[in-house]
Amino acid sequence: MYYGYMIKTSKIQKIETLLDRGDSKYLENGVCVKEDGHSTILAVCDSFSKPYDDKNNPIVLFGELSSGEIVKNIFYRAIEKSHIKDSLLSIVKEADNQIKEFQKRAGFPFRSDSLAGLVFAIAKISQEKIEIIQGGDCIALWKNKNGSIEFTPNIVLAASKFVRKAFSDLLQECNGDRNAARAKFTPILMGERMQGVNQNHKTAYPIMNGQLNIKLCFQKTIDTNNVKTLILFADGLIPFQWLENKTRMKELVKNIEKGGLDYQLQITRKEQLAGKTKKDTARFPESAAVTAYFG
């Protein structure tokens, strides 16, 4: 957990971050905070490796890192190396280009079902405005000073429902054996990615995998003076079904303002432990989040 007091030029009074690996072997969620004296960039991502399972498709490692960890690091390196005058859009495009070069060097087939990638939410905060770009099911949520909340859409919702149900059914079929279920799940996941990732139809969704369809990303600019709290988070922070429920999202803000990001994660973990959440390939998924509190 990290707490910091920020420069007055960005009007942020405090930043809190959370990164929890759950029971994942590879740490493929991430958080980034960058200041340049004039603005602050916050980002979260949820990356994934070239599809693998323990039975038929062994994971490809680079040293001890998964391909998901590599693309996550590339994304954050692009943010860290960005110039003060770089637009948020140019940073996102540069990260995607660098990820493309990595996939080429790795020799991965250049198809959506065979690539590593990530979903993300990134915000650039200046004294006057907050720019947000979101791709996938990392979410940006902000509470306005009048008490209302707004949040970016979960563009991957339909696909997430499909793959979660598919895995849940397989888990039941395999009597709770996650490794056996995952082996059967891999081709289903690959097929879904070929149909949905970076395509040009109404149920398509963006993935930063070297082929990012920026037209599918959500982009918004808001007035810094209107915002009280800004939260960027990967979907592991909250039970999956909360993403469709504005009342639950209001509860999320209250929980974080009351006890911080870790407090919210503990609430989520309790629901996961009790079996109240949608089944995922990990029993306790990774979680990444960052909160900015404004004066």
Protein backbone atom coordinates (compact mmCIF):
# COMPACT_ATOMS: atom_id res chain seq x y z
CA MET A 1 0.00 0.00 0.00
CA TYR A 2 1.28 3.46 -0.89
CA TYR A 3 0.12 6.81 0.42
CA GLY A 4 1.53 10.08 -0.84
CA TYR A 5 0.82 13.78 -0.76
CA MET A 6 0.94 15.31 -4.20
CA ILE A 7 1.96 18.68 -5.60
CA LYS A 8 -0.67 21.41 -5.51
CA THR A 9 -0.54 21.99 -9.25
CA SER A 10 -2.62 18.87 -9.86
CA LYS A 11 -5.02 19.58 -6.96
CA ILE A 12 -4.57 16.05 -5.63
CA GLN A 13 -4.23 15.86 -1.86
CA LYS A 14 -3.55 12.15 -1.50
CA ILE A 15 -3.03 9.05 -3.63
CA GLU A 16 -3.55 5.47 -2.45
CA THR A 17 -2.62 2.37 -4.43
CA LEU A 18 -3.38 -1.32 -4.08
CA LEU A 19 -1.78 -4.33 -5.76
CA ASP A 20 -2.72 -7.81 -4.59
CA ARG A 21 -1.76 -10.98 -6.43
CA GLY A 22 -4.53 -13.15 -4.97
CA ASP A 23 -3.62 -16.75 -5.73
CA SER A 24 -2.23 -15.99 -9.20
CA LYS A 25 1.22 -17.41 -9.92
CA TYR A 26 2.14 -14.53 -12.22
CA LEU A 27 1.56 -10.90 -11.21
CA GLU A 28 -0.22 -9.59 -14.29
CA ASN A 29 -2.17 -6.71 -12.71
CA GLY A 30 -0.34 -3.43 -12.23
CA VAL A 31 -0.55 0.14 -10.94
CA CYS A 32 1.40 3.21 -12.06
CA VAL A 33 1.69 6.75 -10.70
CA LYS A 34 3.76 9.39 -12.49
CA GLU A 35 4.22 13.09 -11.75
CA ASP A 36 6.03 15.59 -13.94
CA GLY A 37 5.52 18.79 -11.97
CA HIS A 38 2.55 19.93 -14.06
CA SER A 39 0.31 16.88 -14.19
CA THR A 40 -0.15 13.44 -12.66
CA ILE A 41 -0.73 10.23 -14.61
CA LEU A 42 -2.50 7.33 -12.92
CA ALA A 43 -2.97 3.94 -14.56
CA VAL A 44 -4.08 0.41 -13.80
CA CYS A 45 -3.98 -2.62 -16.05
CA ASP A 46 -5.01 -6.25 -16.07
CA SER A 47 -2.76 -8.17 -18.43
CA PHE A 48 -2.89 -11.76 -19.62
CA SER A 49 -0.43 -14.13 -21.21
CA LYS A 50 -0.58 -15.95 -24.52
CA PRO A 51 -3.26 -18.57 -23.68
CA TYR A 52 -1.90 -21.53 -21.74
CA ASP A 53 -2.90 -24.37 -19.45
CA ASP A 54 -1.04 -27.05 -17.51
CA LYS A 55 -2.15 -29.92 -19.72
CA ASN A 56 -1.99 -29.08 -23.43
CA ASN A 57 -0.50 -25.60 -23.77
CA PRO A 58 2.49 -24.91 -21.51
CA ILE A 59 3.11 -21.29 -20.61
CA VAL A 60 5.81 -19.39 -22.50
CA LEU A 61 8.22 -17.72 -20.08
CA PHE A 62 10.82 -15.00 -20.63
CA GLY A 63 13.30 -15.64 -17.88
CA GLU A 64 10.88 -16.02 -14.97
CA LEU A 65 8.27 -13.62 -16.39
CA SER A 66 5.08 -14.55 -18.19
CA SER A 67 4.20 -12.79 -21.43
CA GLY A 68 1.42 -11.03 -19.51
CA GLU A 69 3.96 -9.62 -17.06
CA ILE A 70 6.12 -8.49 -19.99
CA VAL A 71 3.33 -6.54 -21.72
CA LYS A 72 2.33 -5.00 -18.38
CA ASN A 73 5.90 -3.77 -17.89
CA ILE A 74 5.97 -2.37 -21.45
CA PHE A 75 2.77 -0.41 -20.77
CA TYR A 76 4.17 1.16 -17.62
CA ARG A 77 7.55 1.85 -19.19
CA ALA A 78 5.80 3.83 -21.95
CA ILE A 79 4.08 5.92 -19.27
CA GLU A 80 7.28 6.46 -17.31
CA LYS A 81 9.22 7.51 -20.44
CA SER A 82 6.50 9.84 -21.72
CA HIS A 83 7.23 13.55 -22.12
CA ILE A 84 5.28 16.24 -20.32
CA LYS A 85 3.75 17.40 -23.64
CA ASP A 86 2.71 13.90 -24.79
CA SER A 87 -1.04 13.43 -25.05
CA LEU A 88 -2.66 10.53 -23.25
CA LEU A 89 -3.65 9.08 -26.62
CA SER A 90 -0.05 9.20 -27.88
CA ILE A 91 1.14 7.36 -24.76
CA VAL A 92 -1.45 4.62 -25.27
CA LYS A 93 -0.50 4.25 -28.95
CA GLU A 94 3.21 4.13 -28.12
CA ALA A 95 2.63 1.41 -25.52
CA ASP A 96 0.65 -0.63 -28.05
CA ASN A 97 3.40 -0.25 -30.65
CA GLN A 98 6.01 -1.46 -28.15
CA ILE A 99 3.81 -4.43 -27.25
CA LYS A 100 3.52 -5.24 -30.95
CA GLU A 101 7.31 -5.31 -31.26
CA PHE A 102 7.56 -7.66 -28.27
CA GLN A 103 4.99 -10.07 -29.75
CA LYS A 104 6.96 -10.12 -33.01
CA ARG A 105 10.23 -10.85 -31.21
CA ALA A 106 8.53 -13.59 -29.20
CA GLY A 107 7.37 -15.22 -32.42
CA PHE A 108 3.71 -15.31 -31.40
CA PRO A 109 1.23 -15.81 -34.27
CA PHE A 110 -0.24 -12.38 -34.91
CA ARG A 111 -3.83 -13.36 -34.18
CA SER A 112 -5.96 -12.31 -31.20
CA ASP A 113 -6.22 -15.87 -29.92
CA SER A 114 -2.44 -16.27 -29.70
CA LEU A 115 -1.24 -12.96 -28.25
CA ALA A 116 -0.57 -11.59 -24.79
CA GLY A 117 -2.36 -8.33 -24.01
CA LEU A 118 -3.95 -6.12 -21.42
CA VAL A 119 -6.99 -4.05 -20.56
CA PHE A 120 -6.39 -0.70 -18.92
CA ALA A 121 -7.62 2.58 -17.51
CA ILE A 122 -5.39 5.65 -17.55
CA ALA A 123 -5.98 9.24 -16.43
CA LYS A 124 -3.93 12.40 -16.84
CA ILE A 125 -4.75 15.01 -14.20
CA SER A 126 -3.85 18.67 -14.51
CA GLN A 127 -5.06 21.71 -12.62
CA GLU A 128 -7.86 22.29 -15.12
CA LYS A 129 -8.89 18.89 -16.46
CA ILE A 130 -8.80 15.13 -16.07
CA GLU A 131 -8.39 13.12 -19.28
CA ILE A 132 -9.43 9.47 -19.19
CA ILE A 133 -8.88 6.64 -21.67
CA GLN A 134 -10.22 3.20 -20.82
CA GLY A 135 -9.92 0.00 -22.79
CA GLY A 136 -11.70 -3.13 -21.60
CA ASP A 137 -12.90 -3.89 -18.09
CA CYS A 138 -10.55 -1.80 -16.02
CA ILE A 139 -12.86 0.94 -14.76
CA ALA A 140 -12.51 4.65 -14.01
CA LEU A 141 -15.00 5.89 -11.43
CA TRP A 142 -15.28 9.42 -10.06
CA LYS A 143 -17.33 11.03 -7.35
CA ASN A 144 -18.30 14.61 -8.04
CA LYS A 145 -18.33 17.27 -5.37
CA ASN A 146 -22.14 17.30 -5.50
CA GLY A 147 -22.09 13.64 -4.34
CA SER A 148 -23.05 12.04 -7.67
CA ILE A 149 -20.90 9.30 -9.20
CA GLU A 150 -20.01 8.43 -12.79
CA PHE A 151 -18.03 5.52 -14.18
CA THR A 152 -16.77 4.25 -17.50
CA PRO A 153 -18.58 1.35 -19.18
CA ASN A 154 -17.43 -2.24 -18.91
CA ILE A 155 -16.90 -2.75 -22.62
CA VAL A 156 -16.04 -6.42 -22.08
CA LEU A 157 -19.21 -7.25 -20.13
CA ALA A 158 -20.85 -9.58 -22.65
CA ALA A 159 -17.61 -11.46 -23.31
CA SER A 160 -16.84 -11.69 -19.58
CA LYS A 161 -20.25 -13.19 -18.86
CA PHE A 162 -19.76 -15.76 -21.61
CA VAL A 163 -16.29 -16.91 -20.55
CA ARG A 164 -17.12 -16.93 -16.84
CA LYS A 165 -20.17 -19.10 -17.43
CA ALA A 166 -18.15 -21.39 -19.70
CA PHE A 167 -15.47 -21.84 -17.04
CA SER A 168 -18.02 -22.28 -14.25
CA ASP A 169 -19.76 -25.02 -16.24
CA LEU A 170 -16.43 -26.74 -16.91
CA LEU A 171 -15.44 -26.47 -13.24
CA GLN A 172 -18.64 -28.27 -12.29
CA GLU A 173 -18.06 -30.85 -15.02
CA CYS A 174 -14.53 -31.45 -13.72
CA ASN A 175 -15.68 -31.78 -10.08
CA GLY A 176 -13.90 -28.61 -8.98
CA ASP A 177 -10.54 -29.46 -10.55
CA ARG A 178 -9.39 -26.04 -11.83
CA ASN A 179 -6.46 -27.40 -13.84
CA ALA A 180 -8.66 -29.88 -15.69
CA ALA A 181 -11.30 -27.21 -16.29
CA ARG A 182 -8.72 -24.77 -17.58
CA ALA A 183 -7.37 -27.29 -20.10
CA LYS A 184 -10.86 -27.58 -21.60
CA PHE A 185 -11.41 -23.84 -21.28
CA THR A 186 -8.35 -22.70 -23.31
CA PRO A 187 -9.83 -23.39 -26.79
CA ILE A 188 -13.12 -21.73 -25.75
CA LEU A 189 -11.23 -18.64 -24.61
CA MET A 190 -9.15 -18.54 -27.80
CA GLY A 191 -12.25 -18.78 -29.95
CA GLU A 192 -13.96 -15.96 -28.08
CA ARG A 193 -10.91 -13.71 -28.48
CA MET A 194 -10.81 -14.27 -32.21
CA GLN A 195 -14.42 -13.14 -32.45
CA GLY A 196 -14.34 -10.18 -30.07
CA VAL A 197 -10.91 -8.59 -29.61
CA ASN A 198 -10.34 -5.34 -31.55
CA GLN A 199 -12.99 -6.20 -34.13
CA ASN A 200 -15.43 -3.79 -35.77
CA HIS A 201 -18.84 -4.94 -34.57
CA LYS A 202 -21.14 -3.92 -31.72
CA THR A 203 -20.00 -6.57 -29.23
CA ALA A 204 -16.27 -6.11 -29.97
CA TYR A 205 -13.94 -4.79 -27.28
CA PRO A 206 -10.43 -3.29 -27.17
CA ILE A 207 -7.32 -5.10 -25.98
CA MET A 208 -3.83 -3.59 -26.00
CA ASN A 209 -2.03 -6.43 -27.75
CA GLY A 210 -0.18 -4.66 -30.57
CA GLN A 211 -3.40 -4.35 -32.58
CA LEU A 212 -5.39 -2.01 -30.31
CA ASN A 213 -8.57 -0.68 -31.93
CA ILE A 214 -8.53 2.77 -30.35
CA LYS A 215 -12.02 3.50 -31.71
CA LEU A 216 -13.40 0.99 -29.21
CA CYS A 217 -11.78 2.71 -26.23
CA PHE A 218 -13.79 5.03 -23.98
CA GLN A 219 -12.41 8.59 -23.83
CA LYS A 220 -13.61 11.47 -21.69
CA THR A 221 -12.39 14.80 -20.32
CA ILE A 222 -13.82 16.19 -17.08
CA ASP A 223 -13.27 19.35 -15.03
CA THR A 224 -10.80 18.77 -12.20
CA ASN A 225 -12.63 21.30 -10.02
CA ASN A 226 -15.78 19.15 -10.04
CA VAL A 227 -14.15 15.94 -8.78
CA LYS A 228 -13.81 14.85 -5.16
CA THR A 229 -12.52 11.27 -5.62
CA LEU A 230 -11.17 9.39 -8.66
CA ILE A 231 -10.71 5.62 -8.61
CA LEU A 232 -9.15 3.45 -11.32
CA PHE A 233 -9.40 -0.29 -10.75
CA ALA A 234 -9.08 -3.67 -12.39
CA ASP A 235 -12.12 -5.90 -12.11
CA GLY A 236 -10.64 -8.04 -9.33
CA LEU A 237 -11.25 -5.30 -6.75
CA ILE A 238 -14.98 -5.95 -6.65
CA PRO A 239 -17.31 -8.92 -7.14
CA PHE A 240 -18.04 -9.19 -10.87
CA GLN A 241 -21.77 -8.56 -10.51
CA TRP A 242 -21.14 -5.16 -8.91
CA LEU A 243 -20.07 -3.79 -12.29
CA GLU A 244 -23.67 -3.77 -13.51
CA ASN A 245 -25.13 -2.18 -10.38
CA LYS A 246 -24.89 1.58 -9.77
CA THR A 247 -25.98 1.14 -6.15
CA ARG A 248 -23.06 -1.23 -5.61
CA MET A 249 -20.69 1.21 -7.31
CA LYS A 250 -21.85 3.92 -4.89
CA GLU A 251 -21.16 1.44 -2.09
CA LEU A 252 -17.68 0.91 -3.54
CA VAL A 253 -16.91 4.64 -3.26
CA LYS A 254 -18.22 4.72 0.32
CA ASN A 255 -16.12 1.72 1.29
CA ILE A 256 -12.96 3.23 -0.17
CA GLU A 257 -13.54 6.64 1.39
CA LYS A 258 -14.23 4.93 4.72
CA GLY A 259 -11.46 2.36 4.91
CA GLY A 260 -9.34 2.58 1.77
CA LEU A 261 -8.77 0.18 -1.08
CA ASP A 262 -7.65 -2.66 1.18
CA TYR A 263 -10.95 -2.46 3.09
CA GLN A 264 -12.87 -2.93 -0.16
CA LEU A 265 -10.65 -5.84 -1.20
CA GLN A 266 -11.34 -7.62 2.09
CA ILE A 267 -15.09 -7.29 1.43
CA THR A 268 -14.58 -8.83 -2.02
CA ARG A 269 -12.44 -11.66 -0.65
CA LYS A 270 -15.13 -12.56 1.89
CA GLU A 271 -17.71 -12.85 -0.90
CA GLN A 272 -15.32 -14.96 -2.97
CA LEU A 273 -14.61 -17.22 0.01
CA ALA A 274 -18.34 -17.67 0.59
CA GLY A 275 -18.85 -18.60 -3.07
CA LYS A 276 -21.09 -15.59 -3.77
CA THR A 277 -19.13 -14.36 -6.79
CA LYS A 278 -18.92 -15.55 -10.40
CA LYS A 279 -16.37 -18.31 -10.93
CA ASP A 280 -13.03 -17.26 -12.39
CA THR A 281 -9.97 -19.23 -13.45
CA ALA A 282 -8.38 -18.12 -10.17
CA ARG A 283 -10.20 -18.62 -6.88
CA PHE A 284 -8.97 -15.24 -5.65
CA PRO A 285 -8.20 -13.07 -8.70
CA GLU A 286 -5.51 -10.41 -8.70
CA SER A 287 -6.52 -6.87 -7.84
CA ALA A 288 -5.07 -3.49 -8.76
CA ALA A 289 -6.40 -0.01 -8.00
CA VAL A 290 -5.43 3.59 -7.41
CA THR A 291 -7.43 6.36 -5.74
CA ALA A 292 -6.83 10.10 -5.96
CA TYR A 293 -8.44 12.33 -3.35
CA PHE A 294 -8.94 15.97 -4.30
CA GLY A 295 -9.22 19.05 -2.11
